[in-house]
Protein backbone atom coordinates (compact mmCIF):
# COMPACT_ATOMS: atom_id res chain seq x y z
CA MET A 1 0.00 0.00 0.00
CA GLN A 2 2.81 2.37 0.85
CA ILE A 3 4.47 1.77 -2.54
CA HIS A 4 1.23 2.71 -4.27
CA GLN A 5 1.05 6.00 -2.29
CA GLN A 6 4.67 6.76 -3.17
CA GLN A 7 3.95 6.22 -6.85
CA GLN A 8 0.91 8.49 -6.65
CA GLN A 9 3.01 11.15 -4.89
CA LYS A 10 5.65 10.97 -7.65
CA ILE A 11 2.96 11.30 -10.31
CA LYS A 12 1.51 14.37 -8.55
CA GLU A 13 4.97 15.96 -8.32
CA LYS A 14 5.60 15.24 -11.99
CA ASN A 15 2.22 16.74 -12.91
CA ASN A 16 2.96 19.83 -10.80
CA ARG A 17 6.33 20.31 -12.53
CA MET A 18 4.72 19.88 -15.93
CA THR A 19 2.00 22.40 -15.05
CA LYS A 20 4.61 24.91 -13.88
CA PHE A 21 6.66 24.34 -17.04
CA ILE A 22 3.64 24.89 -19.29
CA THR A 23 2.64 28.03 -17.38
CA VAL A 24 6.15 29.48 -17.65
CA TRP A 25 6.31 28.55 -21.34
CA ILE A 26 3.00 30.31 -22.04
CA VAL A 27 4.10 33.46 -20.19
CA PHE A 28 7.43 33.60 -22.04
CA SER A 29 5.71 32.95 -25.36
CA PHE A 30 3.34 35.83 -24.69
CA LEU A 31 6.18 38.15 -23.71
CA PHE A 32 8.17 37.12 -26.76
CA ALA A 33 5.21 37.79 -29.06
CA THR A 34 4.50 41.21 -27.55
CA GLN A 35 8.15 42.20 -27.94
CA PHE A 36 7.92 41.67 -31.69
CA SER A 37 4.59 43.46 -31.80
CA ASN A 38 6.08 46.49 -30.01
CA ALA A 39 9.16 46.42 -32.25
CA ASN A 40 6.97 46.82 -35.34
CA GLU A 41 5.12 49.71 -33.73
CA LEU A 42 8.40 51.42 -32.85
CA GLU A 43 9.70 50.98 -36.40
CA ASN A 44 6.62 52.69 -37.79
CA SER A 45 6.39 55.41 -35.13
CA SER A 46 8.95 57.59 -36.94
CA GLU A 47 6.50 57.84 -39.82
CA SER A 48 4.11 60.12 -37.95
CA ILE A 49 3.52 62.32 -41.02
CA HIS A 50 1.21 60.07 -42.99
CA THR A 51 0.69 60.71 -46.66
CA GLU A 52 -2.95 59.70 -46.35
CA GLY A 53 -3.65 62.27 -43.62
CA GLY A 54 -6.51 61.74 -41.22
CA GLU A 55 -7.12 63.40 -37.90
CA GLY A 56 -4.59 62.34 -35.31
CA SER A 57 -2.12 61.24 -37.98
CA VAL A 58 0.40 63.97 -37.05
CA LYS A 59 1.94 64.50 -33.63
CA ILE A 60 2.10 68.11 -32.42
CA GLY A 61 5.90 68.05 -32.55
CA ASP A 62 5.74 67.04 -36.22
CA CYS A 63 3.43 69.89 -37.29
CA PRO A 64 6.26 72.21 -38.43
CA ALA A 65 7.72 69.54 -40.75
CA ALA A 66 4.29 68.62 -42.14
CA CYS A 67 3.47 72.30 -42.72
CA ASP A 68 6.83 72.89 -44.42
CA VAL A 69 5.77 70.29 -46.99
CA ARG A 70 2.24 71.67 -47.26
CA CYS A 71 3.43 75.27 -47.74
CA SER A 72 6.46 74.53 -49.93
CA ALA A 73 4.84 75.69 -53.17
CA THR A 74 3.15 78.91 -52.05
CA SER A 75 4.40 82.44 -52.55
CA HIS A 76 2.85 83.40 -49.16
CA LYS A 77 5.00 81.03 -47.12
CA SER A 78 4.94 82.96 -43.82
CA ALA A 79 1.13 83.20 -43.62
CA CYS A 80 0.72 79.63 -44.89
CA LEU A 81 3.07 78.27 -42.22
CA MET A 82 1.37 80.26 -39.45
CA TYR A 83 -2.14 79.06 -40.31
CA CYS A 84 -1.07 75.54 -41.20
CA ASN A 85 0.66 75.11 -37.83
CA GLN A 86 -2.43 76.48 -36.00
CA CYS A 87 -4.65 74.04 -37.86
CA CYS A 88 -2.25 71.15 -37.38
CA LYS A 89 -2.05 71.71 -33.63
CA LYS A 90 -5.84 71.78 -33.38
CA CYS A 91 -6.62 68.93 -35.80
CA LEU A 92 -3.43 66.84 -35.54
CA CYS A 93 -3.61 66.48 -39.29
CA VAL A 94 -2.18 68.09 -42.43
CA PRO A 95 -3.49 67.04 -45.84
CA SER A 96 -0.99 65.45 -48.20
CA GLY A 97 0.55 67.49 -50.97
CA THR A 98 0.89 71.23 -51.38
CA TYR A 99 -2.72 71.92 -52.40
CA GLY A 100 -6.14 70.28 -52.08
CA ASN A 101 -6.70 66.86 -50.47
CA LYS A 102 -8.50 68.55 -47.56
CA GLU A 103 -11.05 65.73 -47.51
CA GLU A 104 -8.31 63.73 -45.74
CA CYS A 105 -8.69 66.00 -42.70
CA PRO A 106 -12.31 67.02 -41.98
CA CYS A 107 -11.31 69.20 -39.01
CA TYR A 108 -8.69 70.98 -41.13
CA ASN A 109 -11.18 71.33 -43.99
CA ASN A 110 -14.13 72.56 -41.89
CA TRP A 111 -12.34 75.20 -39.79
CA LYS A 112 -13.47 78.51 -41.30
CA THR A 113 -12.60 82.19 -40.84
CA GLN A 114 -15.18 84.68 -39.55
CA GLU A 115 -15.96 85.49 -43.17
CA GLY A 116 -16.65 81.83 -43.92
CA GLY A 117 -13.52 81.15 -45.96
CA PRO A 118 -11.11 78.33 -45.26
CA LYS A 119 -8.87 78.92 -42.25
CA CYS A 120 -6.39 76.19 -43.09
CA PRO A 121 -4.21 76.27 -46.20
């Protein structure tokens, strides 16, 4: 009878070790997978000026660079940069290209002056 109890005890210990091993393996697998997921996000985070626009596609710190592109073809660069940066900071978006494409950024497109004209270049 005592031999049978010893065998059962060994089986329980073996099962406990296996359970611990599987638990640790699952945790490390999860951590490993999330590391690769975060690495891809970090690789793409430098591309905060999206060509497709969209509200929230530009970080506030990237507004000057996005507005430099947007205002690069105008003869009124100073005014364009001033208004573009205001709009970018409010909408976190700058349409792609140097003209048009405002449908990419509804906030940017719909912000109007007191006279009803477009506020954002």
